[in-house]
Amino acid sequence: MTAVDNVLISGASIAGPALAHWLERHGIRAAVVEKAPALRDGGYAIDLRGKAINVAERMGILDAVHERTTQIARISMVDADGRRKAGIDPGATSSPDRSLEILRGDLVDLIHKTTTGTEYRFGDTITGLDQTGDGVRATFAEADPQTFDLVVGADGLHSNVRGIAFGPEAPYRRFLNSYISIFTIPNHLGLDREVRAHNTPGRFSAVYHSPRAEGAKGLLLQRIDEESDIDRRPREEQMAYLREAFGDMGWETGRILDEMEDAPDFYFDSVTQIKMDTWSKGRVTLLGDAGYGPSPMSGQGTSLAMVGAYLLAEALAQHDDPATALAAYETRMRPYAVANQAIADPGLAFLAPRTAFGIGARNLLLKAGPLLSALGRFDTKLLKASEAVDLDAGK
């Protein structure tokens, strides 16, 4: 007997459908509610590392992930005139068998196709959660109310479920003093499977190309001293903010800003982590970025979502009491989440040094990359964190 028979999942990006996959495997019914009208295709490049590779293999999608990797083969750091100052082969810093890069939309598609027994409710959102002793009555913006054994918030950094069950985001938010924006632009540099990037102190501007997507992606990252509410402002104000923050940066940044206006997939947000003492309240629990978002600077958000989905479903299948199951999920997942959140600060410092000296020192380090990778290829903090969970410990 399992802890639950039917589960409501909020969010149809990666964490939600991944959980639905594993619930199906364990004979547990799942419904996924998503405010968007359909699955979101496209998106930026994301990583699967370490134990998330094992999860993908157990899902039966690893071969397809390999077929859909971004194929990016070169990272170049350039000066204001576009001259290459340093660079690295992405494969030189990680094991090709333990680190894969794929576009978010491609991974969403692969996972979704495995959930043939899951009910998806697009264009709707949860408006209320009323817990009783043996269930949660959920109300919706569009559908009629329904009672579920468990509700899972897999709805991202600004989780609606977390807001309803745990309250405002602020107490759980760790702002990393940075804003990031990513969007599709024409491939005006004629890049072929390459990232080309430019730094000034505290700023990072980049264009990257993958044959898996039309055009290229523009990426802008800024480190700041004080937080504002720009990440919660309308798109037009965010674009104006970027034009002011990056307008004098040089290189190709002006052109990136011009092409931003017509981007069909403009994304802007704070670089933020979510840190909570507990991810569960009664029969409501959180998964992925909603409960333990590590920020884009860790590169591990997708891996945490994949592993978390696997461990949560396993805990629900192994225990006949929801509270016991959720406690087991958190016990196994929390050390892994903490280890991967710890990567974000050094990752941000490496990508966008605050001083010209720091940029120069980073570029020198990149030039020494082959030597460094030969000495410590499998021993970096990132790779250690990506492997820091035993998927079979609870069996």
Protein backbone atom coordinates (compact mmCIF):
# COMPACT_ATOMS: atom_id res chain seq x y z
CA MET A 1 0.00 0.00 0.00
CA THR A 2 1.34 3.42 -0.96
CA ALA A 3 1.08 6.68 0.96
CA VAL A 4 -1.20 8.21 -1.66
CA ASP A 5 -3.38 7.13 -4.58
CA ASN A 6 -3.86 10.41 -6.46
CA VAL A 7 -1.54 13.43 -6.65
CA LEU A 8 -2.01 16.94 -8.01
CA ILE A 9 1.15 18.47 -9.46
CA SER A 10 1.43 22.17 -10.21
CA GLY A 11 3.83 22.90 -13.07
CA ALA A 12 4.50 21.19 -16.42
CA SER A 13 8.11 22.16 -17.06
CA ILE A 14 10.66 19.53 -15.96
CA ALA A 15 10.07 18.67 -12.29
CA GLY A 16 6.31 18.12 -12.66
CA PRO A 17 6.30 15.74 -15.64
CA ALA A 18 9.35 13.92 -14.23
CA LEU A 19 7.42 13.26 -11.02
CA ALA A 20 4.36 12.21 -13.05
CA HIS A 21 6.54 9.69 -14.89
CA TRP A 22 7.69 8.03 -11.69
CA LEU A 23 4.25 8.12 -10.09
CA GLU A 24 2.91 6.25 -13.14
CA ARG A 25 5.66 3.69 -12.69
CA HIS A 26 4.52 3.14 -9.11
CA GLY A 27 0.83 2.92 -10.00
CA ILE A 28 -0.09 6.30 -8.51
CA ARG A 29 -2.50 8.52 -10.45
CA ALA A 30 -1.32 12.04 -11.22
CA ALA A 31 -2.85 15.20 -12.66
CA VAL A 32 -0.67 18.13 -13.76
CA VAL A 33 -2.07 21.66 -13.81
CA GLU A 34 -0.17 24.29 -15.82
CA LYS A 35 -1.08 27.95 -16.28
CA ALA A 36 0.43 28.08 -19.78
CA PRO A 37 -1.88 27.01 -22.63
CA ALA A 38 0.51 24.25 -23.76
CA LEU A 39 3.95 22.83 -23.15
CA ARG A 40 6.60 25.51 -23.55
CA ASP A 41 9.03 24.64 -26.30
CA GLY A 42 12.38 26.26 -27.06
CA GLY A 43 14.16 27.72 -24.09
CA TYR A 44 17.76 28.06 -23.10
CA ALA A 45 20.46 25.44 -22.59
CA ILE A 46 20.31 23.40 -19.37
CA ASP A 47 22.51 20.69 -17.93
CA LEU A 48 22.04 17.13 -16.75
CA ARG A 49 24.91 16.04 -14.52
CA GLY A 50 25.91 13.23 -12.23
CA LYS A 51 23.06 11.27 -10.70
CA ALA A 52 20.52 13.05 -12.92
CA ILE A 53 22.12 11.14 -15.80
CA ASN A 54 21.26 7.92 -13.97
CA VAL A 55 17.68 9.10 -13.46
CA ALA A 56 17.33 9.87 -17.18
CA GLU A 57 18.67 6.41 -17.98
CA ARG A 58 16.17 4.78 -15.63
CA MET A 59 13.40 6.80 -17.30
CA GLY A 60 14.43 5.36 -20.65
CA ILE A 61 15.23 8.74 -22.24
CA LEU A 62 19.02 8.90 -21.97
CA ASP A 63 19.70 7.82 -25.56
CA ALA A 64 17.29 10.49 -26.79
CA VAL A 65 18.97 13.11 -24.59
CA HIS A 66 22.30 12.22 -26.20
CA GLU A 67 20.70 12.68 -29.63
CA ARG A 68 19.38 16.14 -28.69
CA THR A 69 22.37 17.68 -26.93
CA THR A 70 23.19 21.27 -27.85
CA GLN A 71 26.46 20.15 -29.47
CA ILE A 72 28.18 23.35 -28.31
CA ALA A 73 31.88 22.67 -28.82
CA ARG A 74 33.65 25.96 -28.12
CA ILE A 75 33.48 28.75 -25.53
CA SER A 76 35.34 31.96 -26.41
CA MET A 77 35.93 34.98 -24.18
CA VAL A 78 36.50 38.04 -26.35
CA ASP A 79 37.52 41.67 -25.82
CA ALA A 80 35.56 44.73 -26.95
CA ASP A 81 36.90 44.30 -30.48
CA GLY A 82 35.85 40.65 -30.66
CA ARG A 83 39.37 39.26 -30.33
CA ARG A 84 39.54 35.92 -28.53
CA LYS A 85 41.33 36.33 -25.19
CA ALA A 86 40.63 32.91 -23.71
CA GLY A 87 38.42 29.92 -24.19
CA ILE A 88 37.77 26.35 -23.37
CA ASP A 89 36.35 23.17 -24.80
CA PRO A 90 33.21 22.40 -22.73
CA GLY A 91 34.19 18.73 -22.65
CA ALA A 92 37.53 19.55 -21.05
CA THR A 93 36.01 20.38 -17.68
CA SER A 94 33.63 17.48 -17.21
CA SER A 95 33.21 13.84 -18.04
CA PRO A 96 31.20 13.50 -21.27
CA ASP A 97 29.38 10.58 -19.68
CA ARG A 98 28.38 12.54 -16.57
CA SER A 99 27.47 15.95 -18.02
CA LEU A 100 25.10 16.65 -20.90
CA GLU A 101 23.67 19.93 -22.17
CA ILE A 102 20.25 20.07 -23.80
CA LEU A 103 17.70 22.78 -24.58
CA ARG A 104 15.00 23.00 -21.93
CA GLY A 105 12.21 22.50 -24.45
CA ASP A 106 13.80 19.33 -25.81
CA LEU A 107 14.01 17.78 -22.34
CA VAL A 108 10.44 18.81 -21.50
CA ASP A 109 9.25 17.11 -24.70
CA LEU A 110 11.14 13.89 -23.96
CA ILE A 111 9.80 13.62 -20.41
CA HIS A 112 6.25 14.55 -21.36
CA LYS A 113 6.11 11.77 -23.95
CA THR A 114 6.73 9.19 -21.20
CA THR A 115 3.67 10.29 -19.19
CA THR A 116 0.92 8.84 -21.35
CA GLY A 117 -1.20 7.97 -18.30
CA THR A 118 -1.08 11.44 -16.74
CA GLU A 119 -3.89 13.98 -17.02
CA TYR A 120 -2.67 17.45 -18.08
CA ARG A 121 -4.79 20.52 -17.44
CA PHE A 122 -3.34 23.44 -19.40
CA GLY A 123 -4.51 27.02 -19.06
CA ASP A 124 -5.48 26.66 -15.41
CA THR A 125 -3.98 27.36 -12.00
CA ILE A 126 -4.57 26.50 -8.35
CA THR A 127 -6.32 29.24 -6.39
CA GLY A 128 -6.70 27.59 -2.99
CA LEU A 129 -5.69 24.55 -0.92
CA ASP A 130 -7.81 23.39 2.01
CA GLN A 131 -6.25 20.54 3.97
CA THR A 132 -8.28 17.99 5.87
CA GLY A 133 -7.13 14.93 7.75
CA ASP A 134 -7.06 12.70 4.72
CA GLY A 135 -6.69 14.98 1.71
CA VAL A 136 -6.33 18.42 0.16
CA ARG A 137 -9.27 20.15 -1.49
CA ALA A 138 -7.88 22.21 -4.36
CA THR A 139 -9.77 25.01 -6.04
CA PHE A 140 -8.89 26.23 -9.53
CA ALA A 141 -9.28 29.32 -11.66
CA GLU A 142 -11.13 27.30 -14.32
CA ALA A 143 -11.90 23.73 -13.21
CA ASP A 144 -14.24 22.56 -10.47
CA PRO A 145 -12.76 21.90 -7.01
CA GLN A 146 -11.31 18.43 -6.41
CA THR A 147 -9.75 16.57 -3.50
CA PHE A 148 -6.35 14.89 -3.78
CA ASP A 149 -4.27 12.79 -1.41
CA LEU A 150 -1.24 15.05 -2.00
CA VAL A 151 -0.42 18.33 -3.77
CA VAL A 152 3.07 18.97 -5.13
CA GLY A 153 4.35 22.41 -6.06
CA ALA A 154 6.71 21.88 -8.99
CA ASP A 155 6.01 25.36 -10.31
CA GLY A 156 9.37 27.06 -10.18
CA LEU A 157 11.18 29.81 -8.34
CA HIS A 158 8.04 31.92 -7.84
CA SER A 159 5.90 28.93 -6.90
CA ASN A 160 2.16 29.53 -6.65
CA VAL A 161 1.73 26.46 -4.43
CA ARG A 162 4.46 27.64 -2.08
CA GLY A 163 2.76 31.00 -1.82
CA ILE A 164 -0.60 29.44 -0.95
CA ALA A 165 0.74 26.86 1.53
CA PHE A 166 3.76 28.61 3.05
CA GLY A 167 3.16 32.31 2.50
CA PRO A 168 5.16 35.05 0.75
CA GLU A 169 8.42 34.27 -1.02
CA ALA A 170 10.61 36.78 0.84
CA PRO A 171 11.53 34.66 3.90
CA TYR A 172 12.76 31.83 1.67
CA ARG A 173 14.54 33.95 -0.92
CA ARG A 174 18.33 34.30 -1.06
CA PHE A 175 19.11 36.96 -3.65
CA LEU A 176 22.56 36.61 -5.22
CA ASN A 177 22.78 40.28 -6.17
CA SER A 178 22.40 39.62 -9.87
CA TYR A 179 19.87 39.77 -12.69
CA ILE A 180 19.88 37.56 -15.77
CA SER A 181 18.10 37.74 -19.11
CA ILE A 182 18.05 35.23 -21.98
CA PHE A 183 16.23 35.45 -25.31
CA THR A 184 16.36 34.35 -28.93
CA ILE A 185 18.07 36.62 -31.47
CA PRO A 186 19.29 36.19 -35.06
CA ASN A 187 22.65 34.47 -35.37
CA HIS A 188 24.28 37.65 -36.66
CA LEU A 189 27.79 36.45 -35.68
CA GLY A 190 27.41 33.31 -37.78
CA LEU A 191 28.28 31.11 -34.81
CA ASP A 192 28.50 27.37 -35.26
CA ARG A 193 28.04 25.44 -31.98
CA GLU A 194 29.85 28.17 -30.06
CA VAL A 195 29.46 30.48 -27.08
CA ARG A 196 31.06 33.88 -27.55
CA ALA A 197 31.14 36.15 -24.50
CA HIS A 198 32.45 39.49 -23.31
CA ASN A 199 33.00 40.84 -19.79
CA THR A 200 33.28 44.21 -18.19
CA PRO A 201 33.44 44.40 -14.37
CA GLY A 202 30.25 42.92 -12.97
CA ARG A 203 28.69 42.36 -16.40
CA PHE A 204 28.55 39.43 -18.79
CA SER A 205 27.21 39.55 -22.34
CA ALA A 206 27.08 36.47 -24.55
CA VAL A 207 25.68 34.93 -27.70
CA TYR A 208 25.50 31.18 -28.20
CA HIS A 209 24.36 28.91 -30.98
CA SER A 210 23.08 25.34 -31.04
CA PRO A 211 21.89 23.54 -34.17
CA ARG A 212 18.95 22.39 -32.05
CA ALA A 213 17.34 25.86 -32.28
CA GLU A 214 16.72 28.60 -34.80
CA GLY A 215 18.94 31.65 -34.54
CA ALA A 216 21.01 32.16 -31.42
CA LYS A 217 20.50 33.02 -27.78
CA GLY A 218 21.51 36.33 -26.25
CA LEU A 219 22.42 36.29 -22.57
CA LEU A 220 22.94 39.29 -20.28
CA LEU A 221 24.03 39.01 -16.64
CA GLN A 222 24.58 41.92 -14.26
CA ARG A 223 25.87 41.91 -10.70
CA ILE A 224 24.53 44.69 -8.48
CA ASP A 225 24.91 45.94 -4.92
CA GLU A 226 21.25 46.51 -4.02
CA GLU A 227 18.12 44.68 -4.99
CA SER A 228 15.22 46.36 -6.75
CA ASP A 229 11.84 45.04 -7.82
CA ILE A 230 12.70 45.06 -11.53
CA ASP A 231 12.27 41.28 -11.74
CA ARG A 232 8.62 41.77 -10.83
CA ARG A 233 7.99 44.66 -13.24
CA PRO A 234 6.42 44.46 -16.74
CA ARG A 235 8.50 43.25 -19.67
CA GLU A 236 8.82 46.73 -21.16
CA GLU A 237 10.37 48.10 -17.96
CA GLN A 238 12.77 45.15 -17.76
CA MET A 239 13.93 45.81 -21.31
CA ALA A 240 14.45 49.49 -20.48
CA TYR A 241 16.47 48.44 -17.45
CA LEU A 242 18.71 46.24 -19.60
CA ARG A 243 19.25 48.99 -22.16
CA GLU A 244 20.41 51.34 -19.42
CA ALA A 245 22.53 48.72 -17.63
CA PHE A 246 24.29 47.37 -20.74
CA GLY A 247 24.04 50.20 -23.27
CA ASP A 248 27.69 51.25 -22.88
CA MET A 249 29.21 47.77 -22.65
CA GLY A 250 30.56 47.58 -26.19
CA TRP A 251 31.34 44.49 -28.27
CA GLU A 252 28.06 43.16 -29.76
CA THR A 253 25.96 44.09 -26.74
CA GLY A 254 24.23 47.02 -28.43
CA ARG A 255 23.06 44.77 -31.21
CA ILE A 256 21.87 42.18 -28.72
CA LEU A 257 19.81 44.89 -27.00
CA ASP A 258 18.32 46.02 -30.31
CA GLU A 259 17.32 42.47 -31.23
CA MET A 260 15.89 41.87 -27.76
CA GLU A 261 12.85 43.96 -28.74
CA ASP A 262 11.59 41.30 -31.15
CA ALA A 263 12.49 38.24 -29.08
CA PRO A 264 9.57 35.79 -28.89
CA ASP A 265 10.82 34.26 -25.63
CA PHE A 266 12.21 37.13 -23.54
CA TYR A 267 13.17 35.91 -20.07
CA PHE A 268 14.27 38.13 -17.18
CA ASP A 269 14.62 37.26 -13.51
CA SER A 270 16.71 37.70 -10.42
CA VAL A 271 19.48 35.23 -9.68
CA THR A 272 17.92 33.78 -6.55
CA GLN A 273 17.98 30.67 -4.43
CA ILE A 274 15.13 29.22 -2.37
CA LYS A 275 16.11 27.97 1.08
CA MET A 276 13.51 26.49 3.42
CA ASP A 277 13.65 24.64 6.75
CA THR A 278 11.06 22.19 5.46
CA TRP A 279 9.54 21.54 2.05
CA SER A 280 6.30 20.04 3.32
CA LYS A 281 3.27 21.26 5.20
CA GLY A 282 0.77 18.51 5.86
CA ARG A 283 -0.17 17.01 2.51
CA VAL A 284 1.46 19.75 0.44
CA THR A 285 5.10 19.44 -0.59
CA LEU A 286 7.55 21.19 -2.92
CA LEU A 287 9.80 19.86 -5.66
CA GLY A 288 12.67 21.41 -7.62
CA ASP A 289 13.09 25.18 -7.79
CA ALA A 290 9.91 25.69 -5.77
CA GLY A 291 11.52 24.19 -2.67
CA TYR A 292 15.28 24.30 -3.21
CA GLY A 293 16.07 26.34 -6.32
CA PRO A 294 19.87 26.62 -6.61
CA SER A 295 19.78 29.52 -9.16
CA PRO A 296 21.05 29.40 -12.76
CA MET A 297 24.58 30.06 -11.49
CA SER A 298 24.80 26.55 -10.06
CA GLY A 299 23.89 24.92 -13.36
CA GLN A 300 22.15 22.26 -11.29
CA GLY A 301 18.48 23.25 -11.21
CA THR A 302 17.47 20.64 -13.76
CA SER A 303 19.46 17.89 -12.08
CA LEU A 304 17.87 18.70 -8.71
CA ALA A 305 14.43 18.55 -10.31
CA MET A 306 15.11 15.18 -11.94
CA VAL A 307 16.62 13.58 -8.85
CA GLY A 308 14.03 15.12 -6.53
CA ALA A 309 11.18 13.73 -8.64
CA TYR A 310 12.71 10.26 -8.52
CA LEU A 311 13.23 10.30 -4.74
CA LEU A 312 9.81 11.79 -3.95
CA ALA A 313 7.97 9.18 -6.01
CA GLU A 314 10.03 6.40 -4.49
CA ALA A 315 9.29 7.61 -0.95
CA LEU A 316 5.56 7.79 -1.69
CA ALA A 317 5.64 4.24 -3.07
CA GLN A 318 7.55 2.80 -0.13
CA HIS A 319 5.57 4.23 2.78
CA ASP A 320 1.89 3.90 3.65
CA ASP A 321 1.78 7.20 5.60
CA PRO A 322 2.19 10.53 3.77
CA ALA A 323 4.03 12.23 6.63
CA THR A 324 6.56 9.39 6.82
CA ALA A 325 7.00 9.41 3.04
CA LEU A 326 7.59 13.16 2.87
CA ALA A 327 10.06 13.01 5.74
CA ALA A 328 11.97 10.24 3.95
CA TYR A 329 12.04 12.30 0.75
CA GLU A 330 13.46 15.30 2.55
CA THR A 331 16.02 13.29 4.51
CA ARG A 332 17.49 11.84 1.32
CA MET A 333 17.18 14.94 -0.85
CA ARG A 334 18.26 17.79 1.44
CA PRO A 335 22.04 17.08 1.60
CA TYR A 336 22.12 16.82 -2.18
CA ALA A 337 20.21 20.08 -2.58
CA VAL A 338 22.46 21.90 -0.10
CA ALA A 339 25.63 20.67 -1.82
CA ASN A 340 24.41 21.89 -5.20
CA GLN A 341 23.22 25.25 -3.92
CA ALA A 342 26.74 25.86 -2.62
CA ILE A 343 28.08 25.94 -6.19
CA ALA A 344 26.24 29.12 -7.15
CA ASP A 345 28.49 31.73 -5.51
CA PRO A 346 31.78 30.55 -7.05
CA GLY A 347 29.97 30.02 -10.36
CA LEU A 348 28.78 33.64 -10.38
CA ALA A 349 32.22 34.96 -9.42
CA PHE A 350 33.80 32.97 -12.25
CA LEU A 351 31.30 34.03 -14.90
CA ALA A 352 31.12 37.74 -14.02
CA PRO A 353 34.12 38.96 -11.99
CA ARG A 354 33.55 42.33 -10.35
CA THR A 355 36.92 43.83 -11.32
CA ALA A 356 39.10 44.09 -14.41
CA PHE A 357 41.81 42.25 -12.48
CA GLY A 358 39.37 39.43 -11.78
CA ILE A 359 38.44 39.17 -15.46
CA GLY A 360 42.11 38.95 -16.43
CA ALA A 361 42.83 36.34 -13.77
CA ARG A 362 39.83 34.27 -14.90
CA ASN A 363 41.01 34.39 -18.51
CA LEU A 364 44.47 33.21 -17.48
CA LEU A 365 42.83 30.32 -15.66
CA LEU A 366 40.88 29.44 -18.79
CA LYS A 367 44.09 29.41 -20.82
CA ALA A 368 45.46 26.86 -18.34
CA GLY A 369 42.27 24.78 -18.71
CA PRO A 370 43.75 21.68 -20.35
CA LEU A 371 46.32 21.33 -17.58
CA LEU A 372 43.78 21.94 -14.85
CA SER A 373 41.31 19.46 -16.31
CA ALA A 374 43.96 16.77 -16.62
CA LEU A 375 44.80 17.15 -12.95
CA GLY A 376 41.30 17.41 -11.54
CA ARG A 377 38.78 16.46 -14.17
CA PHE A 378 36.62 14.30 -11.93
CA ASP A 379 37.35 16.11 -8.68
CA THR A 380 35.79 19.54 -9.05
CA LYS A 381 33.26 20.84 -6.56
CA LEU A 382 30.57 20.81 -9.22
CA LEU A 383 31.07 17.18 -10.17
CA LYS A 384 31.28 16.12 -6.53
CA ALA A 385 27.98 17.87 -5.78
CA SER A 386 26.31 16.35 -8.83
CA GLU A 387 27.09 12.86 -7.53
CA ALA A 388 26.26 13.56 -3.86
CA VAL A 389 23.23 11.31 -3.50
CA ASP A 390 22.67 7.55 -3.45
CA LEU A 391 19.65 6.78 -5.61
CA ASP A 392 19.36 3.28 -4.14
CA ALA A 393 19.90 4.05 -0.44
CA GLY A 394 16.23 3.70 0.42
CA LYS A 395 15.71 0.32 -1.21
